[in-house]
C-alpha atoms as a PDB file:
ATOM      1  CA  UNK A   1      -7.946 -36.070  39.289  1.00  0.00           C
ATOM      2  CA  UNK A   2      -5.284 -35.196  36.669  1.00  0.00           C
ATOM      3  CA  UNK A   3      -3.545 -38.537  37.304  1.00  0.00           C
ATOM      4  CA  UNK A   4      -6.759 -40.379  36.431  1.00  0.00           C
ATOM      5  CA  UNK A   5      -6.926 -38.638  33.044  1.00  0.00           C
ATOM      6  CA  UNK A   6      -3.282 -38.255  31.985  1.00  0.00           C
ATOM      7  CA  UNK A   7      -4.004 -38.059  28.235  1.00  0.00           C
ATOM      8  CA  UNK A   8      -6.661 -35.363  28.681  1.00  0.00           C
ATOM      9  CA  UNK A   9      -4.354 -33.368  30.964  1.00  0.00           C
ATOM     10  CA  UNK A  10      -1.474 -33.578  28.466  1.00  0.00           C
ATOM     11  CA  UNK A  11      -3.767 -32.501  25.626  1.00  0.00           C
ATOM     12  CA  UNK A  12      -4.889 -29.437  27.570  1.00  0.00           C
ATOM     13  CA  UNK A  13      -1.298 -28.455  28.327  1.00  0.00           C
ATOM     14  CA  UNK A  14      -0.392 -28.736  24.660  1.00  0.00           C
ATOM     15  CA  UNK A  15      -3.351 -26.647  23.583  1.00  0.00           C
ATOM     16  CA  UNK A  16      -2.844 -23.769  26.014  1.00  0.00           C
ATOM     17  CA  UNK A  17       0.208 -22.265  24.271  1.00  0.00           C
ATOM     18  CA  UNK A  18      -1.579 -22.407  20.942  1.00  0.00           C
ATOM     19  CA  UNK A  19      -4.519 -20.482  22.308  1.00  0.00           C
ATOM     20  CA  UNK A  20      -2.317 -17.907  24.010  1.00  0.00           C
ATOM     21  CA  UNK A  21       0.015 -17.473  21.051  1.00  0.00           C
ATOM     22  CA  UNK A  22      -2.221 -17.709  17.993  1.00  0.00           C
ATOM     23  CA  UNK A  23      -0.360 -16.891  14.791  1.00  0.00           C
ATOM     24  CA  UNK A  24      -1.340 -14.920  11.697  1.00  0.00           C
ATOM     25  CA  UNK A  25       0.261 -14.243   8.337  1.00  0.00           C
ATOM     26  CA  UNK A  26       0.028 -11.409   5.810  1.00  0.00           C
ATOM     27  CA  UNK A  27       0.983 -11.254   2.140  1.00  0.00           C
ATOM     28  CA  UNK A  28       0.335  -8.322  -0.173  1.00  0.00           C
ATOM     29  CA  UNK A  29       0.578  -4.578  -0.575  1.00  0.00           C
ATOM     30  CA  UNK A  30       3.858  -2.984   0.485  1.00  0.00           C
ATOM     31  CA  UNK A  31       1.933   0.215   1.168  1.00  0.00           C
ATOM     32  CA  UNK A  32      -0.255  -1.481   3.794  1.00  0.00           C
ATOM     33  CA  UNK A  33       2.447  -3.795   5.112  1.00  0.00           C
ATOM     34  CA  UNK A  34       4.976  -1.022   5.602  1.00  0.00           C
ATOM     35  CA  UNK A  35       2.702   1.890   6.434  1.00  0.00           C
ATOM     36  CA  UNK A  36       0.227   0.151   8.756  1.00  0.00           C
ATOM     37  CA  UNK A  37       1.179  -3.356   9.896  1.00  0.00           C
ATOM     38  CA  UNK A  38       4.888  -2.702  10.451  1.00  0.00           C
ATOM     39  CA  UNK A  39       4.179   0.862  11.552  1.00  0.00           C
ATOM     40  CA  UNK A  40       2.602  -0.240  14.819  1.00  0.00           C
ATOM     41  CA  UNK A  41      -0.510  -2.306  14.074  1.00  0.00           C
ATOM     42  CA  UNK A  42       1.089  -5.759  14.462  1.00  0.00           C
ATOM     43  CA  UNK A  43       2.790  -4.809  17.722  1.00  0.00           C
ATOM     44  CA  UNK A  44      -0.321  -3.140  19.164  1.00  0.00           C
ATOM     45  CA  UNK A  45      -2.536  -6.089  18.204  1.00  0.00           C
ATOM     46  CA  UNK A  46      -0.175  -8.527  19.878  1.00  0.00           C
ATOM     47  CA  UNK A  47      -0.067  -6.417  23.028  1.00  0.00           C
ATOM     48  CA  UNK A  48      -3.846  -6.272  23.150  1.00  0.00           C
ATOM     49  CA  UNK A  49      -4.676  -9.894  22.269  1.00  0.00           C
ATOM     50  CA  UNK A  50      -1.512 -11.981  22.583  1.00  0.00           C
ATOM     51  CA  UNK A  51      -1.883 -12.973  18.935  1.00  0.00           C
ATOM     52  CA  UNK A  52       1.132 -12.477  16.723  1.00  0.00           C
ATOM     53  CA  UNK A  53       2.066 -12.446  13.049  1.00  0.00           C
ATOM     54  CA  UNK A  54       4.607 -15.044  11.995  1.00  0.00           C
ATOM     55  CA  UNK A  55       5.279 -13.133   8.773  1.00  0.00           C
ATOM     56  CA  UNK A  56       4.447  -9.897   6.984  1.00  0.00           C
ATOM     57  CA  UNK A  57       5.439 -10.271   3.331  1.00  0.00           C
ATOM     58  CA  UNK A  58       5.114  -7.350   0.897  1.00  0.00           C
ATOM     59  CA  UNK A  59       5.452  -8.702  -2.677  1.00  0.00           C
ATOM     60  CA  UNK A  60       2.465  -6.680  -3.905  1.00  0.00           C
ATOM     61  CA  UNK A  61      -1.329  -6.762  -3.966  1.00  0.00           C
ATOM     62  CA  UNK A  62      -1.689  -9.211  -6.872  1.00  0.00           C
ATOM     63  CA  UNK A  63       0.641 -11.771  -5.322  1.00  0.00           C
ATOM     64  CA  UNK A  64      -1.146 -11.303  -2.012  1.00  0.00           C
ATOM     65  CA  UNK A  65      -4.436 -12.238  -3.662  1.00  0.00           C
ATOM     66  CA  UNK A  66      -2.813 -15.308  -5.231  1.00  0.00           C
ATOM     67  CA  UNK A  67      -1.428 -16.342  -1.849  1.00  0.00           C
ATOM     68  CA  UNK A  68      -4.816 -15.957  -0.187  1.00  0.00           C
ATOM     69  CA  UNK A  69      -6.550 -18.066  -2.843  1.00  0.00           C
ATOM     70  CA  UNK A  70      -3.843 -20.735  -2.519  1.00  0.00           C
ATOM     71  CA  UNK A  71      -4.271 -20.846   1.263  1.00  0.00           C
ATOM     72  CA  UNK A  72      -0.771 -19.529   1.946  1.00  0.00           C
ATOM     73  CA  UNK A  73      -1.904 -16.608   4.103  1.00  0.00           C
ATOM     74  CA  UNK A  74      -4.684 -15.546   6.473  1.00  0.00           C
ATOM     75  CA  UNK A  75      -4.828 -11.977   5.197  1.00  0.00           C
ATOM     76  CA  UNK A  76      -4.024 -10.280   1.913  1.00  0.00           C
ATOM     77  CA  UNK A  77      -3.332  -6.568   1.737  1.00  0.00           C
ATOM     78  CA  UNK A  78      -4.652  -4.901  -1.419  1.00  0.00           C
ATOM     79  CA  UNK A  79      -4.255  -1.205  -2.180  1.00  0.00           C
ATOM     80  CA  UNK A  80      -6.885  -1.081  -4.919  1.00  0.00           C
ATOM     81  CA  UNK A  81     -10.545  -2.149  -5.243  1.00  0.00           C
ATOM     82  CA  UNK A  82     -11.142  -5.879  -5.708  1.00  0.00           C
ATOM     83  CA  UNK A  83     -11.720  -6.949  -9.294  1.00  0.00           C
ATOM     84  CA  UNK A  84     -15.040  -8.636 -10.245  1.00  0.00           C
ATOM     85  CA  UNK A  85     -13.306 -11.956 -10.882  1.00  0.00           C
ATOM     86  CA  UNK A  86     -11.711 -11.816  -7.410  1.00  0.00           C
ATOM     87  CA  UNK A  87     -15.091 -11.203  -5.807  1.00  0.00           C
ATOM     88  CA  UNK A  88     -16.528 -14.182  -7.687  1.00  0.00           C
ATOM     89  CA  UNK A  89     -13.937 -16.381  -5.973  1.00  0.00           C
ATOM     90  CA  UNK A  90     -15.534 -15.558  -2.634  1.00  0.00           C
ATOM     91  CA  UNK A  91     -13.005 -12.986  -1.458  1.00  0.00           C
ATOM     92  CA  UNK A  92     -14.211 -10.280   0.906  1.00  0.00           C
ATOM     93  CA  UNK A  93     -12.557  -6.889   1.319  1.00  0.00           C
ATOM     94  CA  UNK A  94     -12.664  -4.494   4.254  1.00  0.00           C
ATOM     95  CA  UNK A  95     -11.607  -0.875   3.752  1.00  0.00           C
ATOM     96  CA  UNK A  96      -9.266   0.220   6.543  1.00  0.00           C
ATOM     97  CA  UNK A  97      -8.153   3.589   5.136  1.00  0.00           C
ATOM     98  CA  UNK A  98      -7.367   5.686   2.056  1.00  0.00           C
ATOM     99  CA  UNK A  99      -4.150   6.678   0.351  1.00  0.00           C
ATOM    100  CA  UNK A 100      -2.810   9.064  -2.289  1.00  0.00           C
ATOM    101  CA  UNK A 101      -0.464   7.956  -5.056  1.00  0.00           C
ATOM    102  CA  UNK A 102       1.878  10.902  -5.426  1.00  0.00           C
ATOM    103  CA  UNK A 103       4.045  11.851  -8.383  1.00  0.00           C
ATOM    104  CA  UNK A 104       7.642  12.457  -7.317  1.00  0.00           C
ATOM    105  CA  UNK A 105      10.494  14.265  -9.070  1.00  0.00           C
ATOM    106  CA  UNK A 106      13.954  15.371  -7.960  1.00  0.00           C
ATOM    107  CA  UNK A 107      13.966  18.396  -5.669  1.00  0.00           C
ATOM    108  CA  UNK A 108      16.010  20.423  -8.181  1.00  0.00           C
ATOM    109  CA  UNK A 109      13.481  19.867 -10.949  1.00  0.00           C
ATOM    110  CA  UNK A 110      11.673  23.201 -11.526  1.00  0.00           C
ATOM    111  CA  UNK A 111       8.422  21.446 -12.543  1.00  0.00           C
ATOM    112  CA  UNK A 112       5.816  21.778  -9.785  1.00  0.00           C
ATOM    113  CA  UNK A 113       2.683  20.600 -11.552  1.00  0.00           C
ATOM    114  CA  UNK A 114       1.639  18.319 -14.404  1.00  0.00           C
ATOM    115  CA  UNK A 115      -1.750  17.570 -15.871  1.00  0.00           C
ATOM    116  CA  UNK A 116      -3.194  14.074 -16.008  1.00  0.00           C
ATOM    117  CA  UNK A 117      -2.789  14.201 -19.791  1.00  0.00           C
ATOM    118  CA  UNK A 118       0.890  15.103 -19.439  1.00  0.00           C
ATOM    119  CA  UNK A 119       1.433  12.286 -16.951  1.00  0.00           C
ATOM    120  CA  UNK A 120      -0.119   9.841 -19.380  1.00  0.00           C
ATOM    121  CA  UNK A 121       2.225  11.096 -22.090  1.00  0.00           C
ATOM    122  CA  UNK A 122       5.276  10.732 -19.830  1.00  0.00           C
ATOM    123  CA  UNK A 123       4.567   7.196 -18.653  1.00  0.00           C
ATOM    124  CA  UNK A 124       3.503   5.891 -22.059  1.00  0.00           C
ATOM    125  CA  UNK A 125       6.708   7.331 -23.532  1.00  0.00           C
ATOM    126  CA  UNK A 126       5.110   9.884 -25.827  1.00  0.00           C
ATOM    127  CA  UNK A 127       6.488  12.843 -23.845  1.00  0.00           C
ATOM    128  CA  UNK A 128      10.232  12.433 -23.473  1.00  0.00           C
ATOM    129  CA  UNK A 129      11.687  15.843 -22.533  1.00  0.00           C
ATOM    130  CA  UNK A 130      11.021  17.972 -19.445  1.00  0.00           C
ATOM    131  CA  UNK A 131      10.775  21.046 -21.656  1.00  0.00           C
ATOM    132  CA  UNK A 132       7.493  19.648 -23.007  1.00  0.00           C
ATOM    133  CA  UNK A 133       5.901  20.072 -19.555  1.00  0.00           C
ATOM    134  CA  UNK A 134       7.445  23.386 -18.561  1.00  0.00           C
ATOM    135  CA  UNK A 135      10.862  22.234 -17.357  1.00  0.00           C
ATOM    136  CA  UNK A 136      14.396  22.507 -18.680  1.00  0.00           C
ATOM    137  CA  UNK A 137      15.561  20.753 -21.836  1.00  0.00           C
ATOM    138  CA  UNK A 138      16.530  17.348 -20.440  1.00  0.00           C
ATOM    139  CA  UNK A 139      15.400  13.768 -21.095  1.00  0.00           C
ATOM    140  CA  UNK A 140      12.699  12.436 -18.760  1.00  0.00           C
ATOM    141  CA  UNK A 141      13.784   9.272 -16.944  1.00  0.00           C
ATOM    142  CA  UNK A 142      10.681   7.509 -15.526  1.00  0.00           C
ATOM    143  CA  UNK A 143      10.926   4.603 -13.109  1.00  0.00           C
ATOM    144  CA  UNK A 144       8.058   2.177 -12.545  1.00  0.00           C
ATOM    145  CA  UNK A 145       7.399  -0.859 -10.409  1.00  0.00           C
ATOM    146  CA  UNK A 146       8.085  -4.293 -11.879  1.00  0.00           C
ATOM    147  CA  UNK A 147       4.976  -4.918 -13.974  1.00  0.00           C
ATOM    148  CA  UNK A 148       4.932  -8.693 -13.500  1.00  0.00           C
ATOM    149  CA  UNK A 149       4.729  -8.243  -9.719  1.00  0.00           C
ATOM    150  CA  UNK A 150       1.130  -7.002 -10.143  1.00  0.00           C
ATOM    151  CA  UNK A 151       1.561  -4.201  -7.626  1.00  0.00           C
ATOM    152  CA  UNK A 152      -1.544  -2.105  -7.056  1.00  0.00           C
ATOM    153  CA  UNK A 153       0.159   1.273  -7.367  1.00  0.00           C
ATOM    154  CA  UNK A 154       1.000   0.585 -10.998  1.00  0.00           C
ATOM    155  CA  UNK A 155      -2.428  -0.871 -11.747  1.00  0.00           C
ATOM    156  CA  UNK A 156      -4.322   2.048 -10.196  1.00  0.00           C
ATOM    157  CA  UNK A 157      -2.075   4.590 -11.923  1.00  0.00           C
ATOM    158  CA  UNK A 158      -2.641   2.897 -15.286  1.00  0.00           C
ATOM    159  CA  UNK A 159      -6.398   2.911 -14.701  1.00  0.00           C
ATOM    160  CA  UNK A 160      -6.794   6.483 -13.437  1.00  0.00           C
ATOM    161  CA  UNK A 161      -4.076   8.302 -15.346  1.00  0.00           C
ATOM    162  CA  UNK A 162      -3.208   6.217 -18.421  1.00  0.00           C
ATOM    163  CA  UNK A 163      -6.688   5.003 -19.375  1.00  0.00           C
ATOM    164  CA  UNK A 164      -5.398   1.438 -19.231  1.00  0.00           C
ATOM    165  CA  UNK A 165      -2.565   1.952 -21.725  1.00  0.00           C
ATOM    166  CA  UNK A 166       0.745   0.165 -21.218  1.00  0.00           C
ATOM    167  CA  UNK A 167       3.828   1.738 -19.680  1.00  0.00           C
ATOM    168  CA  UNK A 168       6.712   2.656 -21.924  1.00  0.00           C
ATOM    169  CA  UNK A 169       9.997   0.775 -21.773  1.00  0.00           C
ATOM    170  CA  UNK A 170      11.456   2.274 -18.600  1.00  0.00           C
ATOM    171  CA  UNK A 171      13.613   1.224 -15.665  1.00  0.00           C
ATOM    172  CA  UNK A 172      11.662  -1.047 -13.296  1.00  0.00           C
ATOM    173  CA  UNK A 173      12.268  -1.227  -9.536  1.00  0.00           C
ATOM    174  CA  UNK A 174      10.421  -3.679  -7.304  1.00  0.00           C
ATOM    175  CA  UNK A 175       9.644  -1.766  -4.098  1.00  0.00           C
ATOM    176  CA  UNK A 176       8.171   1.765  -4.216  1.00  0.00           C
ATOM    177  CA  UNK A 177      10.454   2.923  -1.405  1.00  0.00           C
ATOM    178  CA  UNK A 178      13.444   1.861  -3.500  1.00  0.00           C
ATOM    179  CA  UNK A 179      12.119   3.948  -6.389  1.00  0.00           C
ATOM    180  CA  UNK A 180      12.266   7.013  -4.150  1.00  0.00           C
ATOM    181  CA  UNK A 181      15.782   6.172  -2.995  1.00  0.00           C
ATOM    182  CA  UNK A 182      16.849   5.914  -6.632  1.00  0.00           C
ATOM    183  CA  UNK A 183      15.083   9.170  -7.554  1.00  0.00           C
ATOM    184  CA  UNK A 184      17.127  11.076  -4.958  1.00  0.00           C
ATOM    185  CA  UNK A 185      20.161  10.529  -7.192  1.00  0.00           C
ATOM    186  CA  UNK A 186      18.382  11.060 -10.527  1.00  0.00           C
ATOM    187  CA  UNK A 187      17.876  14.782 -11.353  1.00  0.00           C
ATOM    188  CA  UNK A 188      15.770  13.963 -14.430  1.00  0.00           C
ATOM    189  CA  UNK A 189      13.774  11.153 -12.842  1.00  0.00           C
ATOM    190  CA  UNK A 190      10.089  10.753 -12.082  1.00  0.00           C
ATOM    191  CA  UNK A 191       8.157   7.998 -10.310  1.00  0.00           C
ATOM    192  CA  UNK A 192       4.914   7.316  -8.469  1.00  0.00           C
ATOM    193  CA  UNK A 193       4.498   5.949  -4.942  1.00  0.00           C
ATOM    194  CA  UNK A 194       2.292   6.201  -1.900  1.00  0.00           C
ATOM    195  CA  UNK A 195       2.792   9.520  -0.162  1.00  0.00           C
ATOM    196  CA  UNK A 196       3.217   7.527   3.065  1.00  0.00           C
ATOM    197  CA  UNK A 197       6.627   6.176   2.060  1.00  0.00           C
ATOM    198  CA  UNK A 198       8.224   9.610   2.405  1.00  0.00           C
ATOM    199  CA  UNK A 199       8.145   9.416   6.210  1.00  0.00           C
ATOM    200  CA  UNK A 200      10.235   6.228   6.174  1.00  0.00           C
ATOM    201  CA  UNK A 201      13.055   7.774   4.122  1.00  0.00           C
ATOM    202  CA  UNK A 202      16.305   9.167   5.542  1.00  0.00           C
ATOM    203  CA  UNK A 203      16.288  12.956   5.901  1.00  0.00           C
ATOM    204  CA  UNK A 204      18.952  13.326   3.202  1.00  0.00           C
ATOM    205  CA  UNK A 205      16.749  11.468   0.713  1.00  0.00           C
ATOM    206  CA  UNK A 206      13.648  13.484   1.636  1.00  0.00           C
ATOM    207  CA  UNK A 207      15.549  16.686   0.873  1.00  0.00           C
ATOM    208  CA  UNK A 208      16.339  15.471  -2.641  1.00  0.00           C
ATOM    209  CA  UNK A 209      12.811  14.563  -3.779  1.00  0.00           C
ATOM    210  CA  UNK A 210       9.460  16.317  -3.913  1.00  0.00           C
ATOM    211  CA  UNK A 211       5.846  15.465  -4.682  1.00  0.00           C
ATOM    212  CA  UNK A 212       4.300  17.637  -7.392  1.00  0.00           C
ATOM    213  CA  UNK A 213       0.705  18.633  -8.019  1.00  0.00           C
ATOM    214  CA  UNK A 214      -1.558  16.896 -10.521  1.00  0.00           C
ATOM    215  CA  UNK A 215      -4.076  19.106 -12.327  1.00  0.00           C
ATOM    216  CA  UNK A 216      -3.038  21.871  -9.928  1.00  0.00           C
ATOM    217  CA  UNK A 217      -3.957  19.857  -6.811  1.00  0.00           C
ATOM    218  CA  UNK A 218      -1.399  18.817  -4.201  1.00  0.00           C
ATOM    219  CA  UNK A 219      -1.516  15.308  -2.642  1.00  0.00           C
ATOM    220  CA  UNK A 220      -2.215  16.812   0.787  1.00  0.00           C
ATOM    221  CA  UNK A 221      -4.233  15.187   3.536  1.00  0.00           C
ATOM    222  CA  UNK A 222      -7.042  17.708   3.037  1.00  0.00           C
ATOM    223  CA  UNK A 223      -7.223  17.078  -0.702  1.00  0.00           C
ATOM    224  CA  UNK A 224      -7.159  13.299  -0.246  1.00  0.00           C
ATOM    225  CA  UNK A 225      -9.871  13.439   2.415  1.00  0.00           C
ATOM    226  CA  UNK A 226     -12.103  15.632   0.247  1.00  0.00           C
ATOM    227  CA  UNK A 227     -11.507  13.567  -2.884  1.00  0.00           C
ATOM    228  CA  UNK A 228     -10.081  16.553  -4.764  1.00  0.00           C
ATOM    229  CA  UNK A 229      -6.735  14.897  -5.453  1.00  0.00           C
ATOM    230  CA  UNK A 230      -7.273  12.748  -8.549  1.00  0.00           C
ATOM    231  CA  UNK A 231      -5.098   9.703  -7.738  1.00  0.00           C
ATOM    232  CA  UNK A 232      -6.591   8.235  -4.558  1.00  0.00           C
ATOM    233  CA  UNK A 233      -7.313   4.623  -3.624  1.00  0.00           C
ATOM    234  CA  UNK A 234      -8.770   2.507  -0.815  1.00  0.00           C
ATOM    235  CA  UNK A 235      -6.598   0.308   1.396  1.00  0.00           C
ATOM    236  CA  UNK A 236      -8.097  -3.153   1.882  1.00  0.00           C
ATOM    237  CA  UNK A 237      -7.603  -6.212   4.035  1.00  0.00           C
ATOM    238  CA  UNK A 238      -8.930  -9.216   2.132  1.00  0.00           C
ATOM    239  CA  UNK A 239     -10.076 -12.589   3.482  1.00  0.00           C
ATOM    240  CA  UNK A 240     -11.690 -15.722   2.135  1.00  0.00           C
ATOM    241  CA  UNK A 241     -15.329 -15.114   2.934  1.00  0.00           C
ATOM    242  CA  UNK A 242     -16.279 -12.817   5.800  1.00  0.00           C
ATOM    243  CA  UNK A 243     -13.439 -12.026   8.242  1.00  0.00           C
ATOM    244  CA  UNK A 244     -13.494 -14.520  11.115  1.00  0.00           C
ATOM    245  CA  UNK A 245     -11.272 -16.085  13.715  1.00  0.00           C
ATOM    246  CA  UNK A 246      -7.938 -14.389  14.377  1.00  0.00           C
ATOM    247  CA  UNK A 247      -7.953 -12.706  10.959  1.00  0.00           C
ATOM    248  CA  UNK A 248     -11.358 -11.238  11.755  1.00  0.00           C
ATOM    249  CA  UNK A 249     -10.095 -10.065  15.131  1.00  0.00           C
ATOM    250  CA  UNK A 250      -7.253  -8.176  13.439  1.00  0.00           C
ATOM    251  CA  UNK A 251      -9.636  -6.583  10.932  1.00  0.00           C
ATOM    252  CA  UNK A 252     -11.902  -5.458  13.778  1.00  0.00           C
ATOM    253  CA  UNK A 253      -8.885  -4.103  15.631  1.00  0.00           C
ATOM    254  CA  UNK A 254      -7.902  -1.917  12.674  1.00  0.00           C
ATOM    255  CA  UNK A 255     -11.464  -0.590  12.475  1.00  0.00           C
ATOM    256  CA  UNK A 256     -11.455   0.271  16.179  1.00  0.00           C
ATOM    257  CA  UNK A 257     -10.500   3.779  17.389  1.00  0.00           C
ATOM    258  CA  UNK A 258      -7.048   2.502  18.386  1.00  0.00           C
ATOM    259  CA  UNK A 259      -6.517   0.805  15.032  1.00  0.00           C
ATOM    260  CA  UNK A 260      -7.694   3.834  13.087  1.00  0.00           C
ATOM    261  CA  UNK A 261      -5.247   6.020  14.985  1.00  0.00           C
ATOM    262  CA  UNK A 262      -2.465   3.740  13.724  1.00  0.00           C
ATOM    263  CA  UNK A 263      -3.829   3.962  10.169  1.00  0.00           C
ATOM    264  CA  UNK A 264      -3.945   7.740  10.569  1.00  0.00           C
ATOM    265  CA  UNK A 265      -0.204   7.962  11.192  1.00  0.00           C
ATOM    266  CA  UNK A 266       0.442   7.632   7.456  1.00  0.00           C
ATOM    267  CA  UNK A 267      -2.976   7.492   5.750  1.00  0.00           C
ATOM    268  CA  UNK A 268      -6.517   8.826   5.914  1.00  0.00           C
ATOM    269  CA  UNK A 269      -8.714   6.865   8.373  1.00  0.00           C
ATOM    270  CA  UNK A 270     -12.042   5.726   6.990  1.00  0.00           C
ATOM    271  CA  UNK A 271     -14.193   7.854   9.288  1.00  0.00           C
ATOM    272  CA  UNK A 272     -12.318  11.025   8.327  1.00  0.00           C
ATOM    273  CA  UNK A 273     -12.647  10.197   4.638  1.00  0.00           C
ATOM    274  CA  UNK A 274     -16.387   9.721   5.088  1.00  0.00           C
ATOM    275  CA  UNK A 275     -16.632  13.074   6.842  1.00  0.00           C
ATOM    276  CA  UNK A 276     -17.860  11.719  10.153  1.00  0.00           C
END
């Protein structure tokens, strides 16, 4: 029978590998890409479905959105709520977990807590000495993400803490993990990053940095889950329209019990956050 329909038989043979080895791509949040996709989700999804990711790029949430709109990716990772103008373009977000943006200083810094008002003063450049917030007399050396990269951590921090004001003229480092690596060698430094990045750091680096409280509240799992910690954010997977096809299958996987266990390795799963 196959000899009578050689073209049909060849077509079927060509299609079988594509079905068995469907490919996906991700562009966006380093927090989601590092802490969820590359922390087990991509590998587990491939083992369960045979579908793999050809690339996981982590240039930031804003660039992920741009890539999704341009058709350069199946999924965008965004670690902030979607903006109204993004929703008007037909983008759909699915919350897969929650995260805390922690404030980090060097381990030898005696400061253990700052208020939201003090944080705003530090990152706008109006507070310039640690003595002004209960520390020793030493210049404060903030580090931020590269503003033009449109990373969500910086945008959320500006919205929640700085009331939308601009950052001062400080050192800018692209990846949040690299900010923490730099902080380990900067006794007067301060930066903000997802609390999840700490687990990926070498032990020597972890010993040289610490997360401090904001308004007297630590960025602990309990405080994030309850909403007490003031700098929290949702973690989103974003698609054009409703999630469908292989992208939809991956979204559903991350919402499944197995997927939520992977999310829970570094973040707060959605069901825990909702108190279920």
